[in-house]
């Protein structure tokens, strides 16, 4: 792990160690992401009703998350014995 990655991980752990309600802390980001998907749908289909736009936005979000989940994960460097390199 690089020093930048380690510093970022430590920062995140410290932050979450001081956050009793993670759901409330991440609500603004989740709301912004949902609004982004909705804006995309409304730009493509300007005359669509709100309920249908919400369904399409949710489908796009789920497709995006599925795409991310299927990306290959980076593997840590291993030696020929399968042990983590020193």
PDB file of N, CA and C in Angstrom:
ATOM      1  N   UNK A   1       0.863  -1.172   0.000  1.00  0.00           N
ATOM      2  CA  UNK A   1       0.000   0.000   0.000  1.00  0.00           C
ATOM      3  C   UNK A   1       0.905   1.229   0.000  1.00  0.00           C
ATOM      4  N   UNK A   2       0.635   2.157  -0.884  1.00  0.00           N
ATOM      5  CA  UNK A   2       1.441   3.373  -0.949  1.00  0.00           C
ATOM      6  C   UNK A   2       1.154   4.264   0.259  1.00  0.00           C
ATOM      7  N   UNK A   3       2.044   5.199   0.510  1.00  0.00           N
ATOM      8  CA  UNK A   3       1.864   6.081   1.664  1.00  0.00           C
ATOM      9  C   UNK A   3       0.618   6.955   1.492  1.00  0.00           C
ATOM     10  N   UNK A   4       0.315   7.343   0.241  1.00  0.00           N
ATOM     11  CA  UNK A   4      -0.912   8.123  -0.006  1.00  0.00           C
ATOM     12  C   UNK A   4      -2.151   7.291   0.307  1.00  0.00           C
ATOM     13  N   UNK A   5      -2.141   6.049  -0.139  1.00  0.00           N
ATOM     14  CA  UNK A   5      -3.277   5.162   0.132  1.00  0.00           C
ATOM     15  C   UNK A   5      -3.435   4.929   1.620  1.00  0.00           C
ATOM     16  N   UNK A   6      -2.322   4.702   2.290  1.00  0.00           N
ATOM     17  CA  UNK A   6      -2.363   4.459   3.727  1.00  0.00           C
ATOM     18  C   UNK A   6      -2.893   5.697   4.460  1.00  0.00           C
ATOM     19  N   UNK A   7      -2.433   6.885   4.073  1.00  0.00           N
ATOM     20  CA  UNK A   7      -2.898   8.123   4.707  1.00  0.00           C
ATOM     21  C   UNK A   7      -4.397   8.310   4.480  1.00  0.00           C
ATOM     22  N   UNK A   8      -4.860   8.020   3.269  1.00  0.00           N
ATOM     23  CA  UNK A   8      -6.288   8.133   2.972  1.00  0.00           C
ATOM     24  C   UNK A   8      -7.110   7.155   3.780  1.00  0.00           C
ATOM     25  N   UNK A   9      -6.607   5.944   3.901  1.00  0.00           N
ATOM     26  CA  UNK A   9      -7.314   4.921   4.686  1.00  0.00           C
ATOM     27  C   UNK A   9      -7.388   5.319   6.155  1.00  0.00           C
ATOM     28  N   UNK A  10      -6.284   5.823   6.686  1.00  0.00           N
ATOM     29  CA  UNK A  10      -6.275   6.264   8.077  1.00  0.00           C
ATOM     30  C   UNK A  10      -7.263   7.408   8.270  1.00  0.00           C
ATOM     31  N   UNK A  11      -7.252   8.364   7.343  1.00  0.00           N
ATOM     32  CA  UNK A  11      -8.186   9.492   7.429  1.00  0.00           C
ATOM     33  C   UNK A  11      -9.633   9.033   7.420  1.00  0.00           C
ATOM     34  N   UNK A  12      -9.935   8.093   6.559  1.00  0.00           N
ATOM     35  CA  UNK A  12     -11.308   7.581   6.482  1.00  0.00           C
ATOM     36  C   UNK A  12     -11.692   6.857   7.771  1.00  0.00           C
ATOM     37  N   UNK A  13     -10.775   6.059   8.292  1.00  0.00           N
ATOM     38  CA  UNK A  13     -11.069   5.335   9.527  1.00  0.00           C
ATOM     39  C   UNK A  13     -11.261   6.283  10.704  1.00  0.00           C
ATOM     40  N   UNK A  14     -10.448   7.336  10.772  1.00  0.00           N
ATOM     41  CA  UNK A  14     -10.607   8.333  11.838  1.00  0.00           C
ATOM     42  C   UNK A  14     -11.963   9.011  11.708  1.00  0.00           C
ATOM     43  N   UNK A  15     -12.320   9.377  10.482  1.00  0.00           N
ATOM     44  CA  UNK A  15     -13.604  10.048  10.261  1.00  0.00           C
ATOM     45  C   UNK A  15     -14.761   9.165  10.700  1.00  0.00           C
ATOM     46  N   UNK A  16     -14.756   7.900  10.258  1.00  0.00           N
ATOM     47  CA  UNK A  16     -15.859   7.008  10.615  1.00  0.00           C
ATOM     48  C   UNK A  16     -15.838   6.651  12.096  1.00  0.00           C
ATOM     49  N   UNK A  17     -14.669   6.751  12.714  1.00  0.00           N
ATOM     50  CA  UNK A  17     -14.583   6.534  14.154  1.00  0.00           C
ATOM     51  C   UNK A  17     -15.222   7.658  14.957  1.00  0.00           C
ATOM     52  N   UNK A  18     -15.473   8.788  14.310  1.00  0.00           N
ATOM     53  CA  UNK A  18     -16.097   9.938  14.969  1.00  0.00           C
ATOM     54  C   UNK A  18     -17.528  10.163  14.495  1.00  0.00           C
ATOM     55  N   UNK A  19     -18.060   9.253  13.698  1.00  0.00           N
ATOM     56  CA  UNK A  19     -19.377   9.434  13.090  1.00  0.00           C
ATOM     57  C   UNK A  19     -20.346   8.376  13.605  1.00  0.00           C
ATOM     58  N   UNK A  20     -21.234   8.753  14.544  1.00  0.00           N
ATOM     59  CA  UNK A  20     -22.154   7.755  15.091  1.00  0.00           C
ATOM     60  C   UNK A  20     -23.257   7.340  14.113  1.00  0.00           C
ATOM     61  N   UNK A  21     -23.654   8.233  13.214  1.00  0.00           N
ATOM     62  CA  UNK A  21     -24.749   7.932  12.283  1.00  0.00           C
ATOM     63  C   UNK A  21     -24.231   8.019  10.846  1.00  0.00           C
ATOM     64  N   UNK A  22     -23.754   6.912  10.330  1.00  0.00           N
ATOM     65  CA  UNK A  22     -23.193   6.892   8.977  1.00  0.00           C
ATOM     66  C   UNK A  22     -24.246   7.188   7.905  1.00  0.00           C
ATOM     67  N   UNK A  23     -25.442   6.742   8.138  1.00  0.00           N
ATOM     68  CA  UNK A  23     -26.506   6.975   7.162  1.00  0.00           C
ATOM     69  C   UNK A  23     -26.742   8.473   6.983  1.00  0.00           C
ATOM     70  N   UNK A  24     -26.825   9.195   8.077  1.00  0.00           N
ATOM     71  CA  UNK A  24     -27.030  10.644   8.001  1.00  0.00           C
ATOM     72  C   UNK A  24     -25.820  11.332   7.385  1.00  0.00           C
ATOM     73  N   UNK A  25     -24.632  10.840   7.692  1.00  0.00           N
ATOM     74  CA  UNK A  25     -23.417  11.460   7.181  1.00  0.00           C
ATOM     75  C   UNK A  25     -23.287  11.320   5.661  1.00  0.00           C
ATOM     76  N   UNK A  26     -23.784  10.221   5.122  1.00  0.00           N
ATOM     77  CA  UNK A  26     -23.656   9.986   3.683  1.00  0.00           C
ATOM     78  C   UNK A  26     -24.903  10.371   2.894  1.00  0.00           C
ATOM     79  N   UNK A  27     -25.940  10.831   3.580  1.00  0.00           N
ATOM     80  CA  UNK A  27     -27.197  11.198   2.907  1.00  0.00           C
ATOM     81  C   UNK A  27     -27.007  12.255   1.820  1.00  0.00           C
ATOM     82  N   UNK A  28     -26.252  13.341   2.057  1.00  0.00           N
ATOM     83  CA  UNK A  28     -26.085  14.337   0.991  1.00  0.00           C
ATOM     84  C   UNK A  28     -25.454  13.750  -0.281  1.00  0.00           C
ATOM     85  N   UNK A  29     -24.488  12.879  -0.122  1.00  0.00           N
ATOM     86  CA  UNK A  29     -23.848  12.272  -1.299  1.00  0.00           C
ATOM     87  C   UNK A  29     -24.808  11.348  -2.031  1.00  0.00           C
ATOM     88  N   UNK A  30     -25.575  10.559  -1.291  1.00  0.00           N
ATOM     89  CA  UNK A  30     -26.552   9.667  -1.932  1.00  0.00           C
ATOM     90  C   UNK A  30     -27.619  10.484  -2.666  1.00  0.00           C
ATOM     91  N   UNK A  31     -28.065  11.569  -2.043  1.00  0.00           N
ATOM     92  CA  UNK A  31     -29.078  12.421  -2.668  1.00  0.00           C
ATOM     93  C   UNK A  31     -28.527  13.044  -3.963  1.00  0.00           C
ATOM     94  N   UNK A  32     -27.296  13.531  -3.918  1.00  0.00           N
ATOM     95  CA  UNK A  32     -26.678  14.131  -5.111  1.00  0.00           C
ATOM     96  C   UNK A  32     -26.545  13.105  -6.233  1.00  0.00           C
ATOM     97  N   UNK A  33     -26.169  11.879  -5.888  1.00  0.00           N
ATOM     98  CA  UNK A  33     -26.036  10.835  -6.908  1.00  0.00           C
ATOM     99  C   UNK A  33     -27.388  10.512  -7.531  1.00  0.00           C
ATOM    100  N   UNK A  34     -28.420  10.413  -6.709  1.00  0.00           N
ATOM    101  CA  UNK A  34     -29.763  10.139  -7.238  1.00  0.00           C
ATOM    102  C   UNK A  34     -30.233  11.255  -8.158  1.00  0.00           C
ATOM    103  N   UNK A  35     -29.941  12.485  -7.763  1.00  0.00           N
ATOM    104  CA  UNK A  35     -30.333  13.631  -8.599  1.00  0.00           C
ATOM    105  C   UNK A  35     -29.596  13.622  -9.932  1.00  0.00           C
ATOM    106  N   UNK A  36     -28.350  13.163  -9.910  1.00  0.00           N
ATOM    107  CA  UNK A  36     -27.570  13.075 -11.149  1.00  0.00           C
ATOM    108  C   UNK A  36     -28.225  12.109 -12.132  1.00  0.00           C
ATOM    109  N   UNK A  37     -28.599  10.921 -11.642  1.00  0.00           N
ATOM    110  CA  UNK A  37     -29.237   9.934 -12.520  1.00  0.00           C
ATOM    111  C   UNK A  37     -30.556  10.486 -13.049  1.00  0.00           C
ATOM    112  N   UNK A  38     -31.299  11.165 -12.201  1.00  0.00           N
ATOM    113  CA  UNK A  38     -32.585  11.728 -12.612  1.00  0.00           C
ATOM    114  C   UNK A  38     -32.389  12.817 -13.673  1.00  0.00           C
ATOM    115  N   UNK A  39     -31.392  13.672 -13.494  1.00  0.00           N
ATOM    116  CA  UNK A  39     -31.105  14.720 -14.497  1.00  0.00           C
ATOM    117  C   UNK A  39     -30.770  14.098 -15.846  1.00  0.00           C
ATOM    118  N   UNK A  40     -29.988  13.017 -15.840  1.00  0.00           N
ATOM    119  CA  UNK A  40     -29.648  12.346 -17.096  1.00  0.00           C
ATOM    120  C   UNK A  40     -30.896  11.850 -17.810  1.00  0.00           C
ATOM    121  N   UNK A  41     -31.789  11.221 -17.064  1.00  0.00           N
ATOM    122  CA  UNK A  41     -33.020  10.684 -17.652  1.00  0.00           C
ATOM    123  C   UNK A  41     -33.880  11.822 -18.189  1.00  0.00           C
ATOM    124  N   UNK A  42     -34.038  12.875 -17.393  1.00  0.00           N
ATOM    125  CA  UNK A  42     -34.885  13.992 -17.808  1.00  0.00           C
ATOM    126  C   UNK A  42     -34.310  14.727 -19.013  1.00  0.00           C
ATOM    127  N   UNK A  43     -32.986  14.754 -19.145  1.00  0.00           N
ATOM    128  CA  UNK A  43     -32.368  15.381 -20.316  1.00  0.00           C
ATOM    129  C   UNK A  43     -32.638  14.561 -21.571  1.00  0.00           C
ATOM    130  N   UNK A  44     -32.627  13.249 -21.412  1.00  0.00           N
ATOM    131  CA  UNK A  44     -32.868  12.363 -22.554  1.00  0.00           C
ATOM    132  C   UNK A  44     -34.350  12.279 -22.913  1.00  0.00           C
ATOM    133  N   UNK A  45     -35.212  12.331 -21.896  1.00  0.00           N
ATOM    134  CA  UNK A  45     -36.662  12.223 -22.089  1.00  0.00           C
ATOM    135  C   UNK A  45     -37.352  13.400 -21.389  1.00  0.00           C
ATOM    136  N   UNK A  46     -37.331  14.589 -21.986  1.00  0.00           N
ATOM    137  CA  UNK A  46     -37.844  15.784 -21.301  1.00  0.00           C
ATOM    138  C   UNK A  46     -39.341  15.748 -20.983  1.00  0.00           C
ATOM    139  N   UNK A  47     -40.119  14.982 -21.707  1.00  0.00           N
ATOM    140  CA  UNK A  47     -41.575  14.964 -21.497  1.00  0.00           C
ATOM    141  C   UNK A  47     -42.048  13.811 -20.625  1.00  0.00           C
ATOM    142  N   UNK A  48     -41.136  13.097 -20.002  1.00  0.00           N
ATOM    143  CA  UNK A  48     -41.493  11.917 -19.217  1.00  0.00           C
ATOM    144  C   UNK A  48     -42.086  12.336 -17.860  1.00  0.00           C
ATOM    145  N   UNK A  49     -43.013  11.528 -17.339  1.00  0.00           N
ATOM    146  CA  UNK A  49     -43.597  11.843 -16.027  1.00  0.00           C
ATOM    147  C   UNK A  49     -42.609  11.485 -14.918  1.00  0.00           C
ATOM    148  N   UNK A  50     -42.789  12.080 -13.742  1.00  0.00           N
ATOM    149  CA  UNK A  50     -41.841  11.935 -12.639  1.00  0.00           C
ATOM    150  C   UNK A  50     -41.667  10.490 -12.161  1.00  0.00           C
ATOM    151  N   UNK A  51     -42.755   9.762 -12.045  1.00  0.00           N
ATOM    152  CA  UNK A  51     -42.672   8.386 -11.547  1.00  0.00           C
ATOM    153  C   UNK A  51     -41.848   7.515 -12.496  1.00  0.00           C
ATOM    154  N   UNK A  52     -42.069   7.668 -13.780  1.00  0.00           N
ATOM    155  CA  UNK A  52     -41.320   6.886 -14.769  1.00  0.00           C
ATOM    156  C   UNK A  52     -39.861   7.319 -14.789  1.00  0.00           C
ATOM    157  N   UNK A  53     -39.628   8.617 -14.670  1.00  0.00           N
ATOM    158  CA  UNK A  53     -38.251   9.121 -14.636  1.00  0.00           C
ATOM    159  C   UNK A  53     -37.501   8.536 -13.445  1.00  0.00           C
ATOM    160  N   UNK A  54     -38.169   8.449 -12.298  1.00  0.00           N
ATOM    161  CA  UNK A  54     -37.537   7.866 -11.109  1.00  0.00           C
ATOM    162  C   UNK A  54     -37.177   6.401 -11.345  1.00  0.00           C
ATOM    163  N   UNK A  55     -38.076   5.653 -11.974  1.00  0.00           N
ATOM    164  CA  UNK A  55     -37.810   4.238 -12.263  1.00  0.00           C
ATOM    165  C   UNK A  55     -36.617   4.075 -13.207  1.00  0.00           C
ATOM    166  N   UNK A  56     -36.572   4.913 -14.241  1.00  0.00           N
ATOM    167  CA  UNK A  56     -35.459   4.833 -15.189  1.00  0.00           C
ATOM    168  C   UNK A  56     -34.147   5.220 -14.516  1.00  0.00           C
ATOM    169  N   UNK A  57     -34.174   6.250 -13.678  1.00  0.00           N
ATOM    170  CA  UNK A  57     -32.971   6.689 -12.965  1.00  0.00           C
ATOM    171  C   UNK A  57     -32.467   5.582 -12.048  1.00  0.00           C
ATOM    172  N   UNK A  58     -33.375   4.925 -11.345  1.00  0.00           N
ATOM    173  CA  UNK A  58     -32.986   3.829 -10.455  1.00  0.00           C
ATOM    174  C   UNK A  58     -32.377   2.681 -11.260  1.00  0.00           C
ATOM    175  N   UNK A  59     -32.934   2.377 -12.421  1.00  0.00           N
ATOM    176  CA  UNK A  59     -32.396   1.309 -13.268  1.00  0.00           C
ATOM    177  C   UNK A  59     -30.989   1.660 -13.746  1.00  0.00           C
ATOM    178  N   UNK A  60     -30.774   2.923 -14.107  1.00  0.00           N
ATOM    179  CA  UNK A  60     -29.437   3.338 -14.542  1.00  0.00           C
ATOM    180  C   UNK A  60     -28.435   3.241 -13.401  1.00  0.00           C
ATOM    181  N   UNK A  61     -28.862   3.627 -12.207  1.00  0.00           N
ATOM    182  CA  UNK A  61     -27.980   3.537 -11.042  1.00  0.00           C
ATOM    183  C   UNK A  61     -27.611   2.077 -10.771  1.00  0.00           C
ATOM    184  N   UNK A  62     -28.592   1.189 -10.829  1.00  0.00           N
ATOM    185  CA  UNK A  62     -28.338  -0.232 -10.576  1.00  0.00           C
ATOM    186  C   UNK A  62     -27.413  -0.819 -11.646  1.00  0.00           C
ATOM    187  N   UNK A  63     -27.589  -0.398 -12.896  1.00  0.00           N
ATOM    188  CA  UNK A  63     -26.704  -0.863 -13.972  1.00  0.00           C
ATOM    189  C   UNK A  63     -25.271  -0.400 -13.704  1.00  0.00           C
ATOM    190  N   UNK A  64     -25.117   0.837 -13.274  1.00  0.00           N
ATOM    191  CA  UNK A  64     -23.798   1.384 -12.967  1.00  0.00           C
ATOM    192  C   UNK A  64     -23.143   0.597 -11.832  1.00  0.00           C
ATOM    193  N   UNK A  65     -23.883   0.348 -10.775  1.00  0.00           N
ATOM    194  CA  UNK A  65     -23.344  -0.379  -9.624  1.00  0.00           C
ATOM    195  C   UNK A  65     -22.988  -1.819 -10.000  1.00  0.00           C
ATOM    196  N   UNK A  66     -23.787  -2.428 -10.855  1.00  0.00           N
ATOM    197  CA  UNK A  66     -23.499  -3.785 -11.314  1.00  0.00           C
ATOM    198  C   UNK A  66     -22.221  -3.793 -12.141  1.00  0.00           C
ATOM    199  N   UNK A  67     -22.059  -2.770 -12.988  1.00  0.00           N
ATOM    200  CA  UNK A  67     -20.844  -2.644 -13.784  1.00  0.00           C
ATOM    201  C   UNK A  67     -19.621  -2.527 -12.875  1.00  0.00           C
ATOM    202  N   UNK A  68     -19.715  -1.676 -11.867  1.00  0.00           N
ATOM    203  CA  UNK A  68     -18.600  -1.489 -10.932  1.00  0.00           C
ATOM    204  C   UNK A  68     -18.285  -2.796 -10.212  1.00  0.00           C
ATOM    205  N   UNK A  69     -19.307  -3.496  -9.775  1.00  0.00           N
ATOM    206  CA  UNK A  69     -19.105  -4.745  -9.036  1.00  0.00           C
ATOM    207  C   UNK A  69     -18.418  -5.808  -9.896  1.00  0.00           C
ATOM    208  N   UNK A  70     -18.586  -5.735 -11.202  1.00  0.00           N
ATOM    209  CA  UNK A  70     -18.000  -6.755 -12.060  1.00  0.00           C
ATOM    210  C   UNK A  70     -16.577  -6.418 -12.503  1.00  0.00           C
ATOM    211  N   UNK A  71     -16.073  -5.235 -12.136  1.00  0.00           N
ATOM    212  CA  UNK A  71     -14.704  -4.882 -12.498  1.00  0.00           C
ATOM    213  C   UNK A  71     -13.724  -5.767 -11.734  1.00  0.00           C
ATOM    214  N   UNK A  72     -12.611  -6.108 -12.364  1.00  0.00           N
ATOM    215  CA  UNK A  72     -11.631  -6.932 -11.656  1.00  0.00           C
ATOM    216  C   UNK A  72     -11.002  -6.147 -10.509  1.00  0.00           C
ATOM    217  N   UNK A  73     -10.729  -6.853  -9.424  1.00  0.00           N
ATOM    218  CA  UNK A  73     -10.081  -6.209  -8.274  1.00  0.00           C
ATOM    219  C   UNK A  73      -8.572  -6.311  -8.442  1.00  0.00           C
ATOM    220  N   UNK A  74      -7.885  -5.307  -7.939  1.00  0.00           N
ATOM    221  CA  UNK A  74      -6.425  -5.345  -7.981  1.00  0.00           C
ATOM    222  C   UNK A  74      -5.936  -6.387  -6.989  1.00  0.00           C
ATOM    223  N   UNK A  75      -4.938  -7.143  -7.402  1.00  0.00           N
ATOM    224  CA  UNK A  75      -4.374  -8.162  -6.518  1.00  0.00           C
ATOM    225  C   UNK A  75      -3.097  -7.631  -5.900  1.00  0.00           C
ATOM    226  N   UNK A  76      -2.863  -8.022  -4.675  1.00  0.00           N
ATOM    227  CA  UNK A  76      -1.617  -7.644  -4.019  1.00  0.00           C
ATOM    228  C   UNK A  76      -0.480  -8.439  -4.636  1.00  0.00           C
ATOM    229  N   UNK A  77       0.696  -7.860  -4.613  1.00  0.00           N
ATOM    230  CA  UNK A  77       1.870  -8.543  -5.159  1.00  0.00           C
ATOM    231  C   UNK A  77       2.146  -9.805  -4.347  1.00  0.00           C
ATOM    232  N   UNK A  78       2.308 -10.918  -5.035  1.00  0.00           N
ATOM    233  CA  UNK A  78       2.604 -12.175  -4.355  1.00  0.00           C
ATOM    234  C   UNK A  78       3.854 -12.788  -4.964  1.00  0.00           C
ATOM    235  N   UNK A  79       4.534 -13.526  -4.155  1.00  0.00           N
ATOM    236  CA  UNK A  79       5.709 -14.243  -4.627  1.00  0.00           C
ATOM    237  C   UNK A  79       5.298 -15.536  -5.309  1.00  0.00           C
ATOM    238  N   UNK A  80       6.251 -16.312  -5.748  1.00  0.00           N
ATOM    239  CA  UNK A  80       5.949 -17.561  -6.448  1.00  0.00           C
ATOM    240  C   UNK A  80       5.263 -18.578  -5.523  1.00  0.00           C
ATOM    241  N   UNK A  81       5.483 -18.442  -4.202  1.00  0.00           N
ATOM    242  CA  UNK A  81       4.879 -19.384  -3.271  1.00  0.00           C
ATOM    243  C   UNK A  81       3.445 -18.984  -2.912  1.00  0.00           C
ATOM    244  N   UNK A  82       2.993 -17.844  -3.458  1.00  0.00           N
ATOM    245  CA  UNK A  82       1.656 -17.381  -3.128  1.00  0.00           C
ATOM    246  C   UNK A  82       1.627 -16.514  -1.888  1.00  0.00           C
ATOM    247  N   UNK A  83       2.794 -16.364  -1.245  1.00  0.00           N
ATOM    248  CA  UNK A  83       2.895 -15.530  -0.052  1.00  0.00           C
ATOM    249  C   UNK A  83       3.016 -14.062  -0.469  1.00  0.00           C
ATOM    250  N   UNK A  84       2.504 -13.195   0.373  1.00  0.00           N
ATOM    251  CA  UNK A  84       2.608 -11.773   0.105  1.00  0.00           C
ATOM    252  C   UNK A  84       4.076 -11.363   0.094  1.00  0.00           C
ATOM    253  N   UNK A  85       4.463 -10.568  -0.913  1.00  0.00           N
ATOM    254  CA  UNK A  85       5.847 -10.139  -1.044  1.00  0.00           C
ATOM    255  C   UNK A  85       6.204  -9.185   0.093  1.00  0.00           C
ATOM    256  N   UNK A  86       7.436  -9.235   0.524  1.00  0.00           N
ATOM    257  CA  UNK A  86       7.892  -8.386   1.633  1.00  0.00           C
ATOM    258  C   UNK A  86       8.249  -7.005   1.170  1.00  0.00           C
TER     259      UNK A  86
END
